[in-house]
Amino acid sequence: LSERNRGFAGGVNCARRESVGRYLLLLNPDCELDAGSIESLAAYLD
């Protein structure tokens, strides 16, 4: 929880610094991904 609105870019930047994954998935909260979609993207990049 941020104490102020940092905008989309600021929020992504802060979240990225807290992450550890090989891949980063930027995802809007109004998106619902279909079954297997994250796996498909990661497999393609692999």
All heavy atoms as atom14 arrays in JSON, in Angstrom:
{
  "sequence": "LSERNRGFAGGVNCARRESVGRYLLLLNPDCELDAGSIESLAAYLD",
  "atom14_mask": [
    [1, 1, 1, 1, 1, 1, 1, 1, 0, 0, 0, 0, 0, 0],
    [1, 1, 1, 1, 1, 1, 0, 0, 0, 0, 0, 0, 0, 0],
    [1, 1, 1, 1, 1, 1, 1, 1, 1, 0, 0, 0, 0, 0],
    [1, 1, 1, 1, 1, 1, 1, 1, 1, 1, 1, 0, 0, 0],
    [1, 1, 1, 1, 1, 1, 1, 1, 0, 0, 0, 0, 0, 0],
    [1, 1, 1, 1, 1, 1, 1, 1, 1, 1, 1, 0, 0, 0],
    [1, 1, 1, 1, 0, 0, 0, 0, 0, 0, 0, 0, 0, 0],
    [1, 1, 1, 1, 1, 1, 1, 1, 1, 1, 1, 0, 0, 0],
    [1, 1, 1, 1, 1, 0, 0, 0, 0, 0, 0, 0, 0, 0],
    [1, 1, 1, 1, 0, 0, 0, 0, 0, 0, 0, 0, 0, 0],
    [1, 1, 1, 1, 0, 0, 0, 0, 0, 0, 0, 0, 0, 0],
    [1, 1, 1, 1, 1, 1, 1, 0, 0, 0, 0, 0, 0, 0],
    [1, 1, 1, 1, 1, 1, 1, 1, 0, 0, 0, 0, 0, 0],
    [1, 1, 1, 1, 1, 1, 0, 0, 0, 0, 0, 0, 0, 0],
    [1, 1, 1, 1, 1, 0, 0, 0, 0, 0, 0, 0, 0, 0],
    [1, 1, 1, 1, 1, 1, 1, 1, 1, 1, 1, 0, 0, 0],
    [1, 1, 1, 1, 1, 1, 1, 1, 1, 1, 1, 0, 0, 0],
    [1, 1, 1, 1, 1, 1, 1, 1, 1, 0, 0, 0, 0, 0],
    [1, 1, 1, 1, 1, 1, 0, 0, 0, 0, 0, 0, 0, 0],
    [1, 1, 1, 1, 1, 1, 1, 0, 0, 0, 0, 0, 0, 0],
    [1, 1, 1, 1, 0, 0, 0, 0, 0, 0, 0, 0, 0, 0],
    [1, 1, 1, 1, 1, 1, 1, 1, 1, 1, 1, 0, 0, 0],
    [1, 1, 1, 1, 1, 1, 1, 1, 1, 1, 1, 1, 0, 0],
    [1, 1, 1, 1, 1, 1, 1, 1, 0, 0, 0, 0, 0, 0],
    [1, 1, 1, 1, 1, 1, 1, 1, 0, 0, 0, 0, 0, 0],
    [1, 1, 1, 1, 1, 1, 1, 1, 0, 0, 0, 0, 0, 0],
    [1, 1, 1, 1, 1, 1, 1, 1, 0, 0, 0, 0, 0, 0],
    [1, 1, 1, 1, 1, 1, 1, 1, 0, 0, 0, 0, 0, 0],
    [1, 1, 1, 1, 1, 1, 1, 0, 0, 0, 0, 0, 0, 0],
    [1, 1, 1, 1, 1, 1, 1, 1, 0, 0, 0, 0, 0, 0],
    [1, 1, 1, 1, 1, 1, 0, 0, 0, 0, 0, 0, 0, 0],
    [1, 1, 1, 1, 1, 1, 1, 1, 1, 0, 0, 0, 0, 0],
    [1, 1, 1, 1, 1, 1, 1, 1, 0, 0, 0, 0, 0, 0],
    [1, 1, 1, 1, 1, 1, 1, 1, 0, 0, 0, 0, 0, 0],
    [1, 1, 1, 1, 1, 0, 0, 0, 0, 0, 0, 0, 0, 0],
    [1, 1, 1, 1, 0, 0, 0, 0, 0, 0, 0, 0, 0, 0],
    [1, 1, 1, 1, 1, 1, 0, 0, 0, 0, 0, 0, 0, 0],
    [1, 1, 1, 1, 1, 1, 1, 1, 0, 0, 0, 0, 0, 0],
    [1, 1, 1, 1, 1, 1, 1, 1, 1, 0, 0, 0, 0, 0],
    [1, 1, 1, 1, 1, 1, 0, 0, 0, 0, 0, 0, 0, 0],
    [1, 1, 1, 1, 1, 1, 1, 1, 0, 0, 0, 0, 0, 0],
    [1, 1, 1, 1, 1, 0, 0, 0, 0, 0, 0, 0, 0, 0],
    [1, 1, 1, 1, 1, 0, 0, 0, 0, 0, 0, 0, 0, 0],
    [1, 1, 1, 1, 1, 1, 1, 1, 1, 1, 1, 1, 0, 0],
    [1, 1, 1, 1, 1, 1, 1, 1, 0, 0, 0, 0, 0, 0],
    [1, 1, 1, 1, 1, 1, 1, 1, 0, 0, 0, 0, 0, 0]
  ],
  "atom14_positions": [
    [[0.84, -1.19, 0.0], [0.0, 0.0, 0.0], [0.88, 1.24, 0.0], [1.67, 1.46, 0.92], [-0.92, 0.01, 1.23], [-1.82, 1.23, 1.38], [-2.78, 1.34, 0.19], [-2.6, 1.16, 2.69], [0.0, 0.0, 0.0], [0.0, 0.0, 0.0], [0.0, 0.0, 0.0], [0.0, 0.0, 0.0], [0.0, 0.0, 0.0], [0.0, 0.0, 0.0]],
    [[0.75, 2.04, -1.04], [1.52, 3.29, -1.14], [0.79, 4.38, -0.38], [-0.44, 4.42, -0.33], [1.69, 3.69, -2.6], [2.38, 4.92, -2.71], [0.0, 0.0, 0.0], [0.0, 0.0, 0.0], [0.0, 0.0, 0.0], [0.0, 0.0, 0.0], [0.0, 0.0, 0.0], [0.0, 0.0, 0.0], [0.0, 0.0, 0.0], [0.0, 0.0, 0.0]],
    [[1.58, 5.3, 0.19], [0.98, 6.41, 0.92], [0.44, 7.48, -0.02], [-0.29, 8.38, 0.39], [2.0, 7.02, 1.89], [3.05, 7.94, 1.26], [4.14, 7.23, 0.48], [4.15, 5.97, 0.48], [4.98, 7.92, -0.12], [0.0, 0.0, 0.0], [0.0, 0.0, 0.0], [0.0, 0.0, 0.0], [0.0, 0.0, 0.0], [0.0, 0.0, 0.0]],
    [[0.78, 7.38, -1.33], [0.27, 8.33, -2.31], [0.2, 7.65, -3.67], [0.78, 6.57, -3.87], [1.18, 9.56, -2.4], [2.61, 9.27, -2.85], [3.46, 10.52, -2.88], [4.86, 10.25, -3.19], [5.35, 10.13, -4.42], [4.54, 10.24, -5.46], [6.64, 9.88, -4.6], [0.0, 0.0, 0.0], [0.0, 0.0, 0.0], [0.0, 0.0, 0.0]],
    [[-0.51, 8.28, -4.58], [-0.65, 7.73, -5.92], [0.61, 8.06, -6.72], [0.88, 9.22, -7.04], [-1.88, 8.33, -6.61], [-2.2, 7.63, -7.91], [-1.34, 7.01, -8.53], [-3.44, 7.72, -8.34], [0.0, 0.0, 0.0], [0.0, 0.0, 0.0], [0.0, 0.0, 0.0], [0.0, 0.0, 0.0], [0.0, 0.0, 0.0], [0.0, 0.0, 0.0]],
    [[1.39, 7.03, -7.04], [2.62, 7.2, -7.8], [2.41, 7.04, -9.3], [3.37, 7.09, -10.07], [3.67, 6.19, -7.33], [4.08, 6.37, -5.87], [5.06, 5.28, -5.44], [5.48, 5.45, -4.07], [6.51, 6.19, -3.66], [7.23, 6.83, -4.56], [6.82, 6.29, -2.39], [0.0, 0.0, 0.0], [0.0, 0.0, 0.0], [0.0, 0.0, 0.0]],
    [[1.19, 6.84, -9.72], [0.92, 6.61, -11.14], [1.25, 5.19, -11.54], [1.84, 4.41, -10.77], [0.0, 0.0, 0.0], [0.0, 0.0, 0.0], [0.0, 0.0, 0.0], [0.0, 0.0, 0.0], [0.0, 0.0, 0.0], [0.0, 0.0, 0.0], [0.0, 0.0, 0.0], [0.0, 0.0, 0.0], [0.0, 0.0, 0.0], [0.0, 0.0, 0.0]],
    [[0.87, 4.83, -12.76], [1.13, 3.46, -13.23], [2.62, 3.17, -13.29], [3.08, 2.13, -12.81], [0.48, 3.27, -14.61], [0.75, 1.92, -15.21], [0.11, 0.79, -14.72], [1.65, 1.76, -16.26], [0.36, -0.46, -15.26], [1.9, 0.53, -16.81], [1.26, -0.6, -16.31], [0.0, 0.0, 0.0], [0.0, 0.0, 0.0], [0.0, 0.0, 0.0]],
    [[3.39, 4.07, -13.87], [4.83, 3.84, -14.0], [5.49, 3.69, -12.65], [6.28, 2.77, -12.42], [5.48, 4.98, -14.79], [0.0, 0.0, 0.0], [0.0, 0.0, 0.0], [0.0, 0.0, 0.0], [0.0, 0.0, 0.0], [0.0, 0.0, 0.0], [0.0, 0.0, 0.0], [0.0, 0.0, 0.0], [0.0, 0.0, 0.0], [0.0, 0.0, 0.0]],
    [[5.17, 4.58, -11.72], [5.77, 4.5, -10.39], [5.4, 3.22, -9.67], [6.23, 2.61, -8.99], [0.0, 0.0, 0.0], [0.0, 0.0, 0.0], [0.0, 0.0, 0.0], [0.0, 0.0, 0.0], [0.0, 0.0, 0.0], [0.0, 0.0, 0.0], [0.0, 0.0, 0.0], [0.0, 0.0, 0.0], [0.0, 0.0, 0.0], [0.0, 0.0, 0.0]],
    [[4.14, 2.8, -9.82], [3.71, 1.56, -9.19], [4.43, 0.34, -9.75], [4.86, -0.55, -9.0], [0.0, 0.0, 0.0], [0.0, 0.0, 0.0], [0.0, 0.0, 0.0], [0.0, 0.0, 0.0], [0.0, 0.0, 0.0], [0.0, 0.0, 0.0], [0.0, 0.0, 0.0], [0.0, 0.0, 0.0], [0.0, 0.0, 0.0], [0.0, 0.0, 0.0]],
    [[4.57, 0.29, -11.08], [5.29, -0.83, -11.7], [6.74, -0.84, -11.26], [7.31, -1.9, -10.94], [5.19, -0.74, -13.24], [6.16, -1.74, -13.89], [3.77, -1.02, -13.7], [0.0, 0.0, 0.0], [0.0, 0.0, 0.0], [0.0, 0.0, 0.0], [0.0, 0.0, 0.0], [0.0, 0.0, 0.0], [0.0, 0.0, 0.0], [0.0, 0.0, 0.0]],
    [[7.37, 0.32, -11.22], [8.78, 0.39, -10.83], [8.98, -0.11, -9.4], [9.93, -0.86, -9.12], [9.3, 1.82, -10.96], [9.37, 2.29, -12.4], [9.42, 1.49, -13.32], [9.37, 3.59, -12.59], [0.0, 0.0, 0.0], [0.0, 0.0, 0.0], [0.0, 0.0, 0.0], [0.0, 0.0, 0.0], [0.0, 0.0, 0.0], [0.0, 0.0, 0.0]],
    [[8.11, 0.3, -8.5], [8.21, -0.15, -7.1], [7.99, -1.66, -7.0], [8.72, -2.36, -6.3], [7.2, 0.59, -6.23], [7.6, 2.32, -5.92], [0.0, 0.0, 0.0], [0.0, 0.0, 0.0], [0.0, 0.0, 0.0], [0.0, 0.0, 0.0], [0.0, 0.0, 0.0], [0.0, 0.0, 0.0], [0.0, 0.0, 0.0], [0.0, 0.0, 0.0]],
    [[6.97, -2.16, -7.7], [6.68, -3.59, -7.66], [7.82, -4.4, -8.24], [8.17, -5.47, -7.72], [5.38, -3.88, -8.41], [0.0, 0.0, 0.0], [0.0, 0.0, 0.0], [0.0, 0.0, 0.0], [0.0, 0.0, 0.0], [0.0, 0.0, 0.0], [0.0, 0.0, 0.0], [0.0, 0.0, 0.0], [0.0, 0.0, 0.0], [0.0, 0.0, 0.0]],
    [[8.43, -3.92, -9.32], [9.53, -4.66, -9.95], [10.7, -4.83, -8.99], [11.33, -5.9, -8.94], [10.01, -3.96, -11.22], [11.17, -4.66, -11.91], [11.57, -3.99, -13.2], [12.14, -2.67, -13.02], [13.42, -2.45, -12.69], [14.25, -3.46, -12.48], [13.86, -1.21, -12.57], [0.0, 0.0, 0.0], [0.0, 0.0, 0.0], [0.0, 0.0, 0.0]],
    [[10.99, -3.8, -8.21], [12.11, -3.88, -7.27], [11.86, -4.89, -6.15], [12.8, -5.34, -5.5], [12.4, -2.49, -6.69], [12.87, -1.51, -7.74], [13.3, -0.18, -7.13], [13.56, 0.77, -8.2], [12.77, 1.79, -8.53], [11.67, 2.0, -7.82], [13.08, 2.59, -9.52], [0.0, 0.0, 0.0], [0.0, 0.0, 0.0], [0.0, 0.0, 0.0]],
    [[10.6, -5.23, -5.95], [10.26, -6.22, -4.92], [10.16, -7.64, -5.49], [9.92, -8.58, -4.75], [8.92, -5.86, -4.28], [8.96, -4.59, -3.44], [9.77, -4.79, -2.17], [9.31, -5.52, -1.28], [10.89, -4.25, -2.11], [0.0, 0.0, 0.0], [0.0, 0.0, 0.0], [0.0, 0.0, 0.0], [0.0, 0.0, 0.0], [0.0, 0.0, 0.0]],
    [[10.32, -7.79, -6.8], [10.1, -9.07, -7.46], [11.4, -9.84, -7.65], [12.49, -9.27, -7.61], [9.43, -8.84, -8.82], [10.34, -8.2, -9.71], [0.0, 0.0, 0.0], [0.0, 0.0, 0.0], [0.0, 0.0, 0.0], [0.0, 0.0, 0.0], [0.0, 0.0, 0.0], [0.0, 0.0, 0.0], [0.0, 0.0, 0.0], [0.0, 0.0, 0.0]],
    [[11.25, -11.15, -7.9], [12.43, -12.01, -8.07], [12.33, -12.93, -9.29], [13.26, -13.68, -9.57], [12.68, -12.88, -6.81], [12.96, -12.01, -5.6], [11.5, -13.81, -6.54], [0.0, 0.0, 0.0], [0.0, 0.0, 0.0], [0.0, 0.0, 0.0], [0.0, 0.0, 0.0], [0.0, 0.0, 0.0], [0.0, 0.0, 0.0], [0.0, 0.0, 0.0]],
    [[11.22, -12.9, -10.01], [11.0, -13.85, -11.11], [11.89, -13.62, -12.32], [12.39, -12.51, -12.54], [0.0, 0.0, 0.0], [0.0, 0.0, 0.0], [0.0, 0.0, 0.0], [0.0, 0.0, 0.0], [0.0, 0.0, 0.0], [0.0, 0.0, 0.0], [0.0, 0.0, 0.0], [0.0, 0.0, 0.0], [0.0, 0.0, 0.0], [0.0, 0.0, 0.0]],
    [[12.08, -14.69, -13.1], [12.86, -14.58, -14.35], [12.14, -13.7, -15.37], [12.77, -13.01, -16.16], [13.07, -15.96, -14.96], [13.92, -16.91, -14.13], [14.24, -18.17, -14.92], [13.05, -18.9, -15.33], [12.7, -19.12, -16.59], [13.43, -18.64, -17.58], [11.61, -19.81, -16.88], [0.0, 0.0, 0.0], [0.0, 0.0, 0.0], [0.0, 0.0, 0.0]],
    [[10.83, -13.78, -15.36], [10.01, -12.96, -16.23], [9.11, -12.06, -15.4], [8.69, -12.42, -14.29], [9.13, -13.84, -17.13], [9.9, -14.77, -18.03], [9.61, -16.14, -18.06], [10.91, -14.31, -18.86], [10.3, -17.01, -18.88], [11.62, -15.17, -19.69], [11.31, -16.52, -19.7], [12.02, -17.37, -20.52], [0.0, 0.0, 0.0], [0.0, 0.0, 0.0]],
    [[8.81, -10.88, -15.95], [7.92, -9.93, -15.3], [6.67, -9.79, -16.15], [6.76, -9.47, -17.34], [8.6, -8.57, -15.16], [9.96, -8.55, -14.48], [10.57, -7.15, -14.55], [9.87, -9.01, -13.03], [0.0, 0.0, 0.0], [0.0, 0.0, 0.0], [0.0, 0.0, 0.0], [0.0, 0.0, 0.0], [0.0, 0.0, 0.0], [0.0, 0.0, 0.0]],
    [[5.52, -10.03, -15.55], [4.25, -9.86, -16.26], [3.55, -8.62, -15.74], [3.06, -8.6, -14.61], [3.36, -11.09, -16.09], [1.94, -10.97, -16.7], [2.03, -10.82, -18.21], [1.08, -12.19, -16.33], [0.0, 0.0, 0.0], [0.0, 0.0, 0.0], [0.0, 0.0, 0.0], [0.0, 0.0, 0.0], [0.0, 0.0, 0.0], [0.0, 0.0, 0.0]],
    [[3.52, -7.58, -16.56], [2.74, -6.41, -16.23], [1.29, -6.73, -16.56], [0.97, -7.14, -17.69], [3.19, -5.19, -17.04], [4.4, -4.4, -16.54], [5.63, -5.28, -16.37], [4.7, -3.24, -17.47], [0.0, 0.0, 0.0], [0.0, 0.0, 0.0], [0.0, 0.0, 0.0], [0.0, 0.0, 0.0], [0.0, 0.0, 0.0], [0.0, 0.0, 0.0]],
    [[0.41, -6.55, -15.58], [-0.98, -6.95, -15.76], [-1.91, -5.93, -15.13], [-1.77, -5.61, -13.95], [-1.22, -8.34, -15.15], [-2.6, -8.96, -15.38], [-2.81, -9.28, -16.86], [-2.77, -10.23, -14.54], [0.0, 0.0, 0.0], [0.0, 0.0, 0.0], [0.0, 0.0, 0.0], [0.0, 0.0, 0.0], [0.0, 0.0, 0.0], [0.0, 0.0, 0.0]],
    [[-2.85, -5.42, -15.92], [-3.85, -4.52, -15.38], [-4.85, -5.28, -14.51], [-5.18, -6.43, -14.81], [-4.6, -3.81, -16.51], [-3.86, -2.62, -17.05], [-2.69, -2.4, -16.73], [-4.52, -1.84, -17.89], [0.0, 0.0, 0.0], [0.0, 0.0, 0.0], [0.0, 0.0, 0.0], [0.0, 0.0, 0.0], [0.0, 0.0, 0.0], [0.0, 0.0, 0.0]],
    [[-5.37, -4.64, -13.47], [-6.33, -5.33, -12.61], [-7.66, -5.62, -13.29], [-8.45, -6.42, -12.77], [-6.52, -4.35, -11.44], [-6.13, -3.02, -11.99], [-5.04, -3.29, -12.98], [0.0, 0.0, 0.0], [0.0, 0.0, 0.0], [0.0, 0.0, 0.0], [0.0, 0.0, 0.0], [0.0, 0.0, 0.0], [0.0, 0.0, 0.0], [0.0, 0.0, 0.0]],
    [[-7.93, -4.99, -14.44], [-9.18, -5.27, -15.15], [-8.98, -6.3, -16.25], [-9.79, -6.41, -17.16], [-9.77, -3.98, -15.73], [-8.8, -3.22, -16.62], [-7.67, -3.7, -16.83], [-9.18, -2.14, -17.11], [0.0, 0.0, 0.0], [0.0, 0.0, 0.0], [0.0, 0.0, 0.0], [0.0, 0.0, 0.0], [0.0, 0.0, 0.0], [0.0, 0.0, 0.0]],
    [[-7.9, -7.08, -16.15], [-7.63, -8.18, -17.09], [-7.85, -9.52, -16.4], [-7.44, -9.72, -15.26], [-6.2, -8.13, -17.62], [-5.88, -6.85, -18.83], [0.0, 0.0, 0.0], [0.0, 0.0, 0.0], [0.0, 0.0, 0.0], [0.0, 0.0, 0.0], [0.0, 0.0, 0.0], [0.0, 0.0, 0.0], [0.0, 0.0, 0.0], [0.0, 0.0, 0.0]],
    [[-8.49, -10.45, -17.09], [-8.61, -11.84, -16.64], [-8.0, -12.73, -17.72], [-8.55, -12.86, -18.81], [-10.08, -12.23, -16.42], [-10.76, -11.49, -15.29], [-12.21, -11.87, -15.16], [-12.53, -13.08, -15.34], [-13.04, -10.97, -14.91], [0.0, 0.0, 0.0], [0.0, 0.0, 0.0], [0.0, 0.0, 0.0], [0.0, 0.0, 0.0], [0.0, 0.0, 0.0]],
    [[-6.86, -13.33, -17.4], [-6.18, -14.15, -18.38], [-6.8, -15.54, -18.44], [-7.19, -16.11, -17.42], [-4.69, -14.25, -18.03], [-3.92, -12.94, -18.12], [-2.47, -13.17, -17.73], [-4.01, -12.33, -19.52], [0.0, 0.0, 0.0], [0.0, 0.0, 0.0], [0.0, 0.0, 0.0], [0.0, 0.0, 0.0], [0.0, 0.0, 0.0], [0.0, 0.0, 0.0]],
    [[-6.84, -16.1, -19.65], [-7.41, -17.43, -19.85], [-6.46, -18.5, -19.34], [-5.26, -18.28, -19.16], [-7.7, -17.64, -21.34], [-8.76, -16.7, -21.86], [-9.6, -16.24, -21.07], [-8.75, -16.43, -23.08], [0.0, 0.0, 0.0], [0.0, 0.0, 0.0], [0.0, 0.0, 0.0], [0.0, 0.0, 0.0], [0.0, 0.0, 0.0], [0.0, 0.0, 0.0]],
    [[-7.0, -19.69, -19.14], [-6.23, -20.82, -18.63], [-5.01, -21.08, -19.51], [-5.1, -21.11, -20.74], [-7.11, -22.06, -18.57], [0.0, 0.0, 0.0], [0.0, 0.0, 0.0], [0.0, 0.0, 0.0], [0.0, 0.0, 0.0], [0.0, 0.0, 0.0], [0.0, 0.0, 0.0], [0.0, 0.0, 0.0], [0.0, 0.0, 0.0], [0.0, 0.0, 0.0]],
    [[-3.86, -21.22, -18.86], [-2.62, -21.55, -19.56], [-1.92, -20.39, -20.23], [-0.85, -20.57, -20.83], [0.0, 0.0, 0.0], [0.0, 0.0, 0.0], [0.0, 0.0, 0.0], [0.0, 0.0, 0.0], [0.0, 0.0, 0.0], [0.0, 0.0, 0.0], [0.0, 0.0, 0.0], [0.0, 0.0, 0.0], [0.0, 0.0, 0.0], [0.0, 0.0, 0.0]],
    [[-2.47, -19.18, -20.13], [-1.91, -18.05, -20.89], [-0.55, -17.62, -20.36], [0.36, -17.32, -21.15], [-2.89, -16.87, -20.86], [-4.03, -17.16, -21.63], [0.0, 0.0, 0.0], [0.0, 0.0, 0.0], [0.0, 0.0, 0.0], [0.0, 0.0, 0.0], [0.0, 0.0, 0.0], [0.0, 0.0, 0.0], [0.0, 0.0, 0.0], [0.0, 0.0, 0.0]],
    [[-0.38, -17.57, -19.06], [0.93, -17.2, -18.51], [1.96, -18.26, -18.86], [3.09, -17.95, -19.25], [0.84, -17.01, -16.98], [-0.03, -15.78, -16.67], [2.22, -16.86, -16.35], [-0.3, -15.57, -15.2], [0.0, 0.0, 0.0], [0.0, 0.0, 0.0], [0.0, 0.0, 0.0], [0.0, 0.0, 0.0], [0.0, 0.0, 0.0], [0.0, 0.0, 0.0]],
    [[1.57, -19.53, -18.78], [2.47, -20.61, -19.15], [2.86, -20.52, -20.63], [4.03, -20.73, -20.99], [1.82, -21.96, -18.86], [2.75, -23.14, -19.1], [2.23, -24.42, -18.46], [1.01, -24.57, -18.33], [3.08, -25.26, -18.1], [0.0, 0.0, 0.0], [0.0, 0.0, 0.0], [0.0, 0.0, 0.0], [0.0, 0.0, 0.0], [0.0, 0.0, 0.0]],
    [[1.91, -20.17, -21.48], [2.2, -20.05, -22.92], [3.19, -18.94, -23.2], [4.12, -19.1, -24.0], [0.9, -19.79, -23.7], [0.06, -20.92, -23.67], [0.0, 0.0, 0.0], [0.0, 0.0, 0.0], [0.0, 0.0, 0.0], [0.0, 0.0, 0.0], [0.0, 0.0, 0.0], [0.0, 0.0, 0.0], [0.0, 0.0, 0.0], [0.0, 0.0, 0.0]],
    [[3.02, -17.8, -22.55], [3.95, -16.68, -22.76], [5.35, -17.04, -22.28], [6.34, -16.77, -22.97], [3.45, -15.44, -22.03], [2.16, -14.79, -22.55], [1.73, -13.66, -21.63], [2.34, -14.28, -23.98], [0.0, 0.0, 0.0], [0.0, 0.0, 0.0], [0.0, 0.0, 0.0], [0.0, 0.0, 0.0], [0.0, 0.0, 0.0], [0.0, 0.0, 0.0]],
    [[5.43, -17.65, -21.1], [6.74, -18.03, -20.57], [7.41, -19.09, -21.44], [8.62, -19.03, -21.7], [6.59, -18.54, -19.13], [0.0, 0.0, 0.0], [0.0, 0.0, 0.0], [0.0, 0.0, 0.0], [0.0, 0.0, 0.0], [0.0, 0.0, 0.0], [0.0, 0.0, 0.0], [0.0, 0.0, 0.0], [0.0, 0.0, 0.0], [0.0, 0.0, 0.0]],
    [[6.63, -20.05, -21.92], [7.18, -21.09, -22.79], [7.7, -20.49, -24.09], [8.75, -20.9, -24.61], [6.12, -22.15, -23.08], [0.0, 0.0, 0.0], [0.0, 0.0, 0.0], [0.0, 0.0, 0.0], [0.0, 0.0, 0.0], [0.0, 0.0, 0.0], [0.0, 0.0, 0.0], [0.0, 0.0, 0.0], [0.0, 0.0, 0.0], [0.0, 0.0, 0.0]],
    [[6.99, -19.51, -24.64], [7.43, -18.87, -25.87], [8.76, -18.16, -25.65], [9.68, -18.26, -26.48], [6.37, -17.89, -26.37], [6.73, -17.28, -27.7], [6.47, -17.97, -28.88], [7.35, -16.04, -27.78], [6.82, -17.43, -30.11], [7.71, -15.49, -29.0], [7.44, -16.19, -30.17], [7.8, -15.66, -31.38], [0.0, 0.0, 0.0], [0.0, 0.0, 0.0]],
    [[8.87, -17.42, -24.55], [10.13, -16.72, -24.28], [11.26, -17.71, -23.98], [12.42, -17.44, -24.32], [9.94, -15.75, -23.12], [9.04, -14.54, -23.4], [8.89, -13.67, -22.16], [9.57, -13.72, -24.57], [0.0, 0.0, 0.0], [0.0, 0.0, 0.0], [0.0, 0.0, 0.0], [0.0, 0.0, 0.0], [0.0, 0.0, 0.0], [0.0, 0.0, 0.0]],
    [[10.93, -18.86, -23.36], [11.95, -19.88, -23.15], [12.52, -20.38, -24.47], [13.73, -20.61, -24.6], [11.35, -21.08, -22.38], [11.15, -20.79, -20.9], [11.72, -19.81, -20.4], [10.41, -21.57, -20.25], [0.0, 0.0, 0.0], [0.0, 0.0, 0.0], [0.0, 0.0, 0.0], [0.0, 0.0, 0.0], [0.0, 0.0, 0.0], [0.0, 0.0, 0.0]]
  ]
}
